[in-house]
Amino acid sequence: MVSRRDAHDREPACQQRKFAEAMERGRAKGRISVRRHQMKLLEAGNATMAVWLGKQLLGQRDVITAEHVRGGRRAHPGRR
């Protein structure tokens, strides 16, 4: 005799949900592994990793300034 739970576990929707949950657990473990390795690189003095982690974890960003050039010379604000 098959129990209700066994019958439910064999339904395609239930199997798909369990598969999706297992995949997400695997992805989460992979992300943790990558973060652990990144932190080791940071602790070893990898400046690039420090910048990247600052952007990812702390919301830091590069500040880009634009300099306007007109006719090969710097343009001054308010002058034409």
Foldseek 3Di string as FASTA:
>chain_A
DDDPVNVVCPDPVNVVVVVVVVVVVVVVVVVVVVVVVLVVCVVVPDVVSVVVCCCVPVVDDDDDDDFDDDPNHGDDPPDD
